[in-house]
Protein backbone atom coordinates (compact mmCIF):
# COMPACT_ATOMS: atom_id res chain seq x y z
CA MET A 1 -13.96 67.90 11.12
CA PHE A 2 -14.66 64.97 13.41
CA LYS A 3 -18.14 65.20 14.90
CA ARG A 4 -18.16 61.84 16.65
CA LEU A 5 -15.93 58.83 17.25
CA TYR A 6 -17.30 55.55 18.59
CA ILE A 7 -15.12 52.56 19.56
CA HIS A 8 -16.24 49.26 21.03
CA ASN A 9 -14.37 46.15 22.16
CA PHE A 10 -10.94 47.56 21.23
CA ARG A 11 -8.33 47.23 23.97
CA CYS A 12 -9.61 49.16 27.04
CA LEU A 13 -12.40 50.87 25.10
CA GLN A 14 -15.91 49.47 25.32
CA ASN A 15 -18.94 51.35 24.08
CA LEU A 16 -16.92 54.59 24.14
CA GLU A 17 -18.31 57.63 22.35
CA LEU A 18 -16.13 60.70 21.95
CA PRO A 19 -18.43 63.64 21.16
CA ILE A 20 -15.97 66.15 19.73
CA GLY A 21 -18.76 68.08 18.02
CA ASP A 22 -17.88 71.44 16.49
CA LYS A 23 -14.82 72.09 18.65
CA PRO A 24 -11.80 73.22 16.56
CA SER A 25 -9.61 72.14 19.46
CA ALA A 26 -10.15 69.88 22.46
CA LEU A 27 -8.15 68.32 25.27
CA LEU A 28 -8.34 64.80 26.70
CA ILE A 29 -7.16 64.35 30.26
CA GLY A 30 -7.07 61.32 32.52
CA LYS A 31 -4.74 59.09 34.46
CA ASN A 32 -2.26 56.78 32.78
CA GLY A 33 -4.13 53.72 31.52
CA SER A 34 -7.42 55.56 31.02
CA GLY A 35 -7.37 55.09 27.23
CA LYS A 36 -5.95 58.31 25.77
CA SER A 37 -3.24 56.58 23.73
CA THR A 38 -5.65 53.80 22.77
CA ILE A 39 -7.84 56.40 21.08
CA SER A 40 -4.82 57.54 19.10
CA HIS A 41 -4.18 53.93 18.03
CA ALA A 42 -7.78 53.63 16.81
CA LEU A 43 -7.47 56.89 14.85
CA ALA A 44 -4.15 55.73 13.35
CA LEU A 45 -5.86 52.50 12.31
CA LEU A 46 -8.56 54.45 10.44
CA ALA A 47 -6.03 56.77 8.78
CA GLY A 48 -3.94 53.76 7.76
CA MET A 49 -6.95 52.26 5.98
CA ALA A 50 -7.49 55.44 3.99
CA ARG A 51 -3.79 55.40 3.01
CA GLY A 52 -4.16 51.97 1.48
CA THR A 53 -3.65 49.35 4.22
CA ASN A 54 -6.51 46.97 3.47
CA ARG A 55 -5.57 43.73 5.23
CA VAL A 56 -7.46 43.49 8.52
CA GLY A 57 -4.63 41.52 10.10
CA GLN A 58 -2.22 44.40 9.44
CA LEU A 59 -4.48 46.78 11.36
CA VAL A 60 -5.71 44.80 14.37
CA LYS A 61 -4.79 41.56 16.11
CA PRO A 62 -6.85 39.08 18.16
CA GLY A 63 -5.15 40.48 21.26
CA ASP A 64 -6.79 43.86 20.60
CA PHE A 65 -10.20 42.57 21.75
CA THR A 66 -11.07 43.91 25.18
CA HIS A 67 -10.15 41.22 27.74
CA GLY A 68 -10.09 38.68 24.88
CA ARG A 69 -13.86 39.10 24.30
CA THR A 70 -14.01 37.61 20.80
CA ASP A 71 -17.62 36.57 21.26
CA GLU A 72 -18.78 40.03 20.23
CA PRO A 73 -17.51 42.18 17.33
CA MET A 74 -15.08 45.06 17.39
CA ARG A 75 -16.68 48.29 16.14
CA PHE A 76 -15.42 51.62 14.82
CA GLU A 77 -17.75 54.47 13.88
CA VAL A 78 -16.73 57.88 12.55
CA ASP A 79 -18.92 60.90 11.79
CA VAL A 80 -17.13 63.63 9.83
CA GLU A 81 -18.38 66.92 8.44
CA LEU A 82 -16.69 68.08 5.23
CA ALA A 83 -17.86 71.18 3.34
CA GLY A 84 -21.16 71.11 5.22
CA ARG A 85 -21.95 67.47 4.42
CA LEU A 86 -22.00 64.60 6.92
CA TYR A 87 -19.97 61.45 6.17
CA GLN A 88 -20.56 58.41 8.37
CA TYR A 89 -18.23 55.42 8.24
CA ARG A 90 -19.00 52.17 10.07
CA LEU A 91 -16.78 49.09 10.40
CA THR A 92 -17.46 45.90 12.34
CA LEU A 93 -14.79 43.21 12.70
CA GLU A 94 -15.19 39.67 14.00
CA LEU A 95 -13.06 36.66 14.93
CA PRO A 96 -15.08 33.45 14.52
CA PRO A 97 -14.00 30.36 16.52
CA GLY A 98 -11.01 28.66 14.96
CA PHE A 99 -9.89 31.74 12.98
CA LYS A 100 -6.45 33.25 13.55
CA GLU A 101 -7.13 36.57 11.82
CA LEU A 102 -10.01 39.02 12.15
CA ARG A 103 -12.33 39.54 9.22
CA VAL A 104 -14.95 42.10 8.18
CA GLN A 105 -18.50 41.51 9.36
CA THR A 106 -20.10 44.75 8.10
CA GLU A 107 -18.87 48.01 6.56
CA GLN A 108 -20.65 51.13 5.32
CA LEU A 109 -19.94 54.67 4.17
CA SER A 110 -22.86 57.11 3.97
CA LEU A 111 -23.22 60.72 2.87
CA ASP A 112 -26.01 62.78 4.46
CA GLY A 113 -27.76 59.57 5.44
CA GLN A 114 -27.57 57.96 1.99
CA PRO A 115 -25.23 54.98 1.59
CA ILE A 116 -22.30 55.31 -0.80
CA TYR A 117 -21.59 51.63 -0.28
CA THR A 118 -22.65 48.91 2.13
CA ARG A 119 -21.11 45.56 2.90
CA GLU A 120 -22.14 42.32 4.56
CA HIS A 121 -19.22 39.91 4.90
CA ALA A 122 -17.86 39.49 1.34
CA GLN A 123 -20.76 41.19 -0.47
CA VAL A 124 -20.24 44.89 -1.32
CA THR A 125 -23.05 46.98 -2.79
CA LEU A 126 -21.97 50.24 -4.42
CA ASN A 127 -24.57 52.96 -4.93
CA LYS A 128 -23.86 55.52 -7.67
CA ALA A 129 -26.11 58.42 -8.61
CA SER A 130 -25.27 57.84 -12.28
CA ARG A 131 -26.55 54.25 -12.17
CA SER A 132 -30.16 53.18 -12.06
CA ALA A 133 -29.21 50.06 -10.10
CA PRO A 134 -26.49 49.48 -7.49
CA ALA A 135 -23.36 47.57 -8.46
CA ALA A 136 -22.48 44.48 -6.44
CA PHE A 137 -19.20 42.63 -6.16
CA LEU A 138 -17.31 40.35 -3.78
CA VAL A 139 -14.29 41.22 -1.62
CA ASP A 140 -12.16 38.88 0.48
CA TRP A 141 -13.55 38.89 4.03
CA HIS A 142 -10.09 39.74 5.36
CA LEU A 143 -9.79 42.94 3.31
CA ILE A 144 -11.24 46.37 4.10
CA ALA A 145 -13.31 47.69 1.17
CA LEU A 146 -12.65 51.41 1.76
CA PRO A 147 -9.15 51.53 0.23
CA ILE A 148 -10.11 49.12 -2.58
CA ILE A 149 -13.11 50.87 -4.13
CA GLN A 150 -12.02 53.16 -6.96
CA GLU A 151 -13.22 56.76 -7.04
CA GLN A 152 -14.72 58.24 -10.22
CA SER A 153 -13.10 61.68 -9.89
CA GLU A 154 -11.59 64.13 -7.40
CA THR A 155 -15.12 65.41 -6.72
CA ASP A 156 -16.38 61.93 -5.85
CA PRO A 157 -17.52 61.92 -2.17
CA LEU A 158 -15.60 58.66 -1.67
CA PHE A 159 -12.40 60.38 -2.86
CA LEU A 160 -13.02 63.43 -0.64
CA PHE A 161 -13.58 61.30 2.45
CA LYS A 162 -10.56 59.06 1.87
CA ARG A 163 -8.30 62.02 1.13
CA TRP A 164 -9.36 63.80 4.32
CA LEU A 165 -8.97 60.68 6.45
CA SER A 166 -5.60 59.79 4.91
CA ARG A 167 -4.24 63.24 5.76
CA SER A 168 -5.19 62.99 9.42
CA PHE A 169 -2.10 63.46 11.58
CA ILE A 170 -1.93 61.02 14.50
CA LEU A 171 1.16 61.98 16.47
CA ALA A 172 2.95 60.43 19.42
CA PRO A 173 6.48 61.60 18.60
CA ILE A 174 9.62 59.76 19.65
CA PRO A 175 12.18 62.52 19.08
CA SER A 176 15.17 60.18 19.32
CA LEU A 177 13.98 58.52 16.10
CA ILE A 178 13.93 61.81 14.18
CA THR A 179 17.12 62.21 12.17
CA GLU A 180 18.23 64.56 9.43
CA GLU A 181 18.34 61.98 6.62
CA SER A 182 15.29 61.21 4.53
CA SER A 183 14.45 59.55 1.24
CA GLY A 184 11.45 60.42 -0.89
CA GLU A 185 8.50 62.65 0.00
CA THR A 186 5.22 62.26 1.86
CA LEU A 187 2.23 64.41 2.78
CA TRP A 188 1.74 62.99 6.25
CA PRO A 189 3.92 62.16 9.25
CA GLU A 190 4.27 58.72 10.76
CA ARG A 191 2.86 58.38 14.27
CA ASP A 192 6.31 58.57 15.88
CA ALA A 193 7.34 61.38 13.46
CA ARG A 194 10.51 59.56 12.37
CA ASN A 195 9.83 60.64 8.76
CA LEU A 196 9.84 64.36 9.56
CA GLY A 197 12.43 65.05 6.83
CA ALA A 198 10.39 63.31 4.14
CA TRP A 199 7.28 65.14 5.34
CA PHE A 200 9.07 68.50 5.12
CA ALA A 201 10.15 67.68 1.54
CA GLY A 202 6.64 66.61 0.53
CA LEU A 203 4.99 69.58 2.18
CA ILE A 204 7.25 72.15 0.55
CA GLY A 205 7.03 70.34 -2.79
CA HIS A 206 3.23 70.42 -2.58
CA SER A 207 2.93 74.05 -1.46
CA PRO A 208 6.19 76.07 -1.42
CA ARG A 209 4.39 79.17 -0.12
CA VAL A 210 3.87 77.63 3.34
CA TYR A 211 7.59 77.84 4.05
CA THR A 212 6.78 81.35 5.27
CA THR A 213 4.49 79.79 7.91
CA ILE A 214 7.27 77.44 9.05
CA ASP A 215 9.78 80.30 9.06
CA GLY A 216 7.44 82.62 10.98
CA TYR A 217 6.69 80.09 13.71
CA LEU A 218 10.32 79.03 14.21
CA ARG A 219 11.44 82.66 14.53
CA THR A 220 9.02 83.08 17.46
CA VAL A 221 10.57 80.15 19.37
CA TRP A 222 14.17 80.54 18.16
CA PRO A 223 15.16 84.24 17.94
CA ASP A 224 18.40 83.22 16.18
CA PHE A 225 16.68 81.03 13.56
CA TRP A 226 17.80 81.82 10.02
CA ASP A 227 16.89 79.07 7.56
CA LEU A 228 15.99 75.43 6.91
CA GLN A 229 17.94 73.61 4.23
CA ASN A 230 17.23 70.15 2.83
CA PRO A 231 19.84 69.46 0.12
CA LEU A 232 20.44 66.20 -1.71
CA VAL A 233 23.47 64.42 -0.28
CA GLY A 234 23.45 61.38 -2.55
CA GLY A 235 20.92 59.65 -4.79
CA GLU A 236 17.49 60.46 -3.38
CA THR A 237 18.74 61.06 0.15
CA ARG A 238 18.33 64.50 1.66
CA SER A 239 19.72 65.97 4.86
CA LEU A 240 17.57 68.48 6.76
CA LYS A 241 19.56 71.14 8.58
CA VAL A 242 18.69 74.19 10.66
CA GLN A 243 20.74 77.37 10.30
CA PHE A 244 21.07 79.76 13.20
CA ARG A 245 22.63 83.20 12.86
CA GLU A 246 23.66 85.87 15.33
CA ALA A 247 25.91 88.30 13.50
CA PRO A 248 28.69 87.85 12.77
CA ARG A 249 28.46 84.17 13.74
CA SER A 250 26.35 81.38 12.24
CA LEU A 251 25.77 77.71 12.95
CA SER A 252 24.32 74.89 10.84
CA LEU A 253 22.91 71.89 12.74
CA PRO A 254 21.42 68.66 11.36
CA ILE A 255 18.00 68.16 12.95
CA GLY A 256 19.26 64.95 14.52
CA SER A 257 21.46 67.13 16.74
CA LEU A 258 18.55 69.17 18.06
CA SER A 259 17.13 68.47 21.50
CA ASP A 260 13.89 66.49 21.85
CA GLY A 261 11.93 69.66 22.60
CA GLU A 262 13.44 71.50 19.63
CA LYS A 263 12.40 68.66 17.32
CA CYS A 264 8.86 69.09 18.65
CA PHE A 265 9.00 72.79 17.76
CA LEU A 266 9.95 71.85 14.22
CA LEU A 267 7.18 69.26 14.10
CA CYS A 268 4.67 71.86 15.31
CA ALA A 269 5.78 74.24 12.54
CA LEU A 270 5.06 71.54 9.94
CA VAL A 271 1.61 70.81 11.44
CA LEU A 272 0.69 74.50 11.17
CA ALA A 273 1.99 74.68 7.60
CA ALA A 274 0.22 71.48 6.52
CA ASN A 275 -3.13 72.70 7.83
CA GLU A 276 -2.64 75.79 5.68
CA ALA A 277 -1.30 73.92 2.63
CA TYR A 278 -3.87 71.16 2.20
CA GLY A 279 -6.20 71.54 5.13
CA PRO A 280 -8.46 71.60 6.84
CA VAL A 281 -6.87 68.58 8.52
CA PHE A 282 -7.48 66.66 11.72
CA CYS A 283 -4.54 66.36 14.11
CA PHE A 284 -4.38 64.16 17.19
CA TRP A 285 -1.24 64.85 19.24
CA ASP A 286 -0.60 62.61 22.23
CA GLU A 287 1.12 64.68 24.94
CA PRO A 288 2.63 67.43 22.75
CA ASP A 289 4.13 69.09 25.84
CA SER A 290 6.07 66.10 27.20
CA HIS A 291 9.47 67.35 25.98
CA LEU A 292 8.99 71.07 26.67
CA ALA A 293 10.10 73.36 29.48
CA ILE A 294 7.29 74.75 31.61
CA ASP A 295 7.70 78.28 30.21
CA GLU A 296 7.51 76.94 26.61
CA VAL A 297 4.24 75.04 26.96
CA GLY A 298 1.80 77.95 26.91
CA HIS A 299 3.03 79.46 23.65
CA PHE A 300 3.27 76.02 22.02
CA VAL A 301 -0.30 75.02 22.86
CA ALA A 302 -1.71 78.47 22.03
CA ALA A 303 -0.07 78.41 18.59
CA LEU A 304 -1.63 75.03 17.79
CA ARG A 305 -5.08 76.06 18.98
CA ARG A 306 -4.95 79.41 17.17
CA SER A 307 -3.93 77.78 13.88
CA PHE A 308 -6.96 75.48 13.86
CA GLU A 309 -9.52 78.15 14.74
CA SER A 310 -9.90 79.10 11.07
CA GLY A 311 -10.18 75.52 9.84
CA GLY A 312 -9.32 71.96 10.74
CA GLN A 313 -9.32 70.40 14.17
CA VAL A 314 -6.72 69.49 16.78
CA LEU A 315 -7.22 67.05 19.66
CA MET A 316 -4.53 66.78 22.34
CA THR A 317 -3.86 64.74 25.44
CA SER A 318 -1.89 66.02 28.40
CA HIS A 319 -0.91 65.66 32.04
CA ASN A 320 0.68 69.12 32.08
CA ALA A 321 -0.92 71.81 34.25
CA GLU A 322 0.05 74.60 31.84
CA THR A 323 -1.61 72.83 28.92
CA ILE A 324 -4.76 72.13 30.93
CA ARG A 325 -5.01 75.82 31.85
CA ARG A 326 -4.97 76.74 28.15
CA PHE A 327 -8.30 74.98 27.57
CA SER A 328 -11.74 75.98 28.76
CA ASP A 329 -14.09 73.61 30.54
CA GLU A 330 -16.15 73.30 27.33
CA ASN A 331 -13.11 72.06 25.40
CA THR A 332 -11.87 69.54 27.99
CA LEU A 333 -12.97 65.91 28.17
CA VAL A 334 -12.10 63.54 31.03
CA LEU A 335 -11.33 59.86 30.47
CA TYR A 336 -11.51 57.62 33.50
CA ARG A 337 -11.95 54.05 34.69
CA ARG A 338 -11.91 52.83 38.26
CA SER A 339 -9.89 49.69 37.55
CA HIS A 340 -8.36 47.69 34.72
CA LEU A 341 -11.43 45.47 34.81
CA GLU A 342 -13.76 48.33 33.91
CA PRO A 343 -14.13 50.09 30.55
CA THR A 344 -13.07 53.67 29.98
CA ARG A 345 -15.74 56.36 30.30
CA VAL A 346 -15.70 59.93 29.01
CA LYS A 347 -17.36 63.02 30.50
CA SER A 348 -17.14 66.75 29.95
CA LEU A 349 -16.20 68.99 32.87
CA GLU A 350 -19.66 70.51 32.57
CA GLU A 351 -21.16 67.09 33.33
CA ILE A 352 -18.77 66.50 36.23
CA GLY A 353 -19.55 69.94 37.65
CA VAL A 354 -16.02 71.15 38.39
CA LYS A 355 -15.95 74.66 39.83
CA GLY A 356 -12.96 76.95 40.09
CA ASP A 357 -9.45 76.10 38.92
CA LEU A 358 -9.36 72.69 37.22
CA VAL A 359 -5.71 72.01 38.06
CA GLU A 360 -6.36 72.63 41.75
CA ALA A 361 -9.43 70.40 41.58
CA LEU A 362 -7.31 67.63 40.01
CA LEU A 363 -4.68 67.99 42.72
CA ARG A 364 -7.36 67.77 45.43
CA GLY A 365 -8.85 64.68 43.81
CA ASP A 366 -12.18 66.37 43.15
CA VAL A 367 -12.25 65.20 39.54
CA GLU A 368 -12.85 61.50 38.95
CA THR A 369 -10.08 60.29 36.64
């Protein structure tokens, strides 16, 4: 799970440290513009690297520097604990005068304090326990080394870290983009969840047993739910449909015909199943309650939190009072900045010293956001 995330000089985030620690679930709150979605963009950037995107210019642009401050580097630092061992990844990007595209300044991946590889500009030094001396090679300054370096086996720490990071789910769904048709399979959703059908196919293909998890969750939110079908309709194209039944009548609906909130229920079912199938996974969900009715929010959030208690980690953002009430003070972090000219800061409610009902304190303006 994520222990720590550090971001510097990226959009509105300067010298920001997000101490998630050992929390299986946590909530980020703050006013619009405080940086919640920017954190999700940074996490999506890291996951994209692990999935094979190695060109720096495909991940960040010169406009991503905070207030155009190209005189100092952009930094990303991640501390992750996997199977009791601490992985630490560091990446520093720069934009020298006259350059149109960012390039790598430094990069490093360590395990329990010992470097797996280090990098200075183009020079990469790879440390292997089986070698008496490190191996050194050159990489284009505009390419990230992490997705390029080949792993020795599926027990290689480099493989374990990249697999975990690549399977991180960074979600900010746009339900209108989710349709029933899909082609191919995948083990992770896109940020806007438009590939939900392909993710369902990949998930069930990887671990058919977790269909019972999907089925069980959907029956709790849809009492008339009967089945999910994803047949081939031509070539490699599939069409995902939901069957509802209330004897003696039945109804089959393509998922594109579901409401926005109903698509989010289906997406939640897949998150729960994926954490069981190839977890523990990390899931960041930006405003998961934005398409739900007020009486649906509590069950939705509780189901997500409960699923990750036994493994994995979920981090949410929200403006919804019902969601906020589902988290304790210890699991809630506040992002704030006084103006667009100031960087985002993060504090726990314990540090702020909120007493009593948090929602009421927010309404009174007693919490600095």
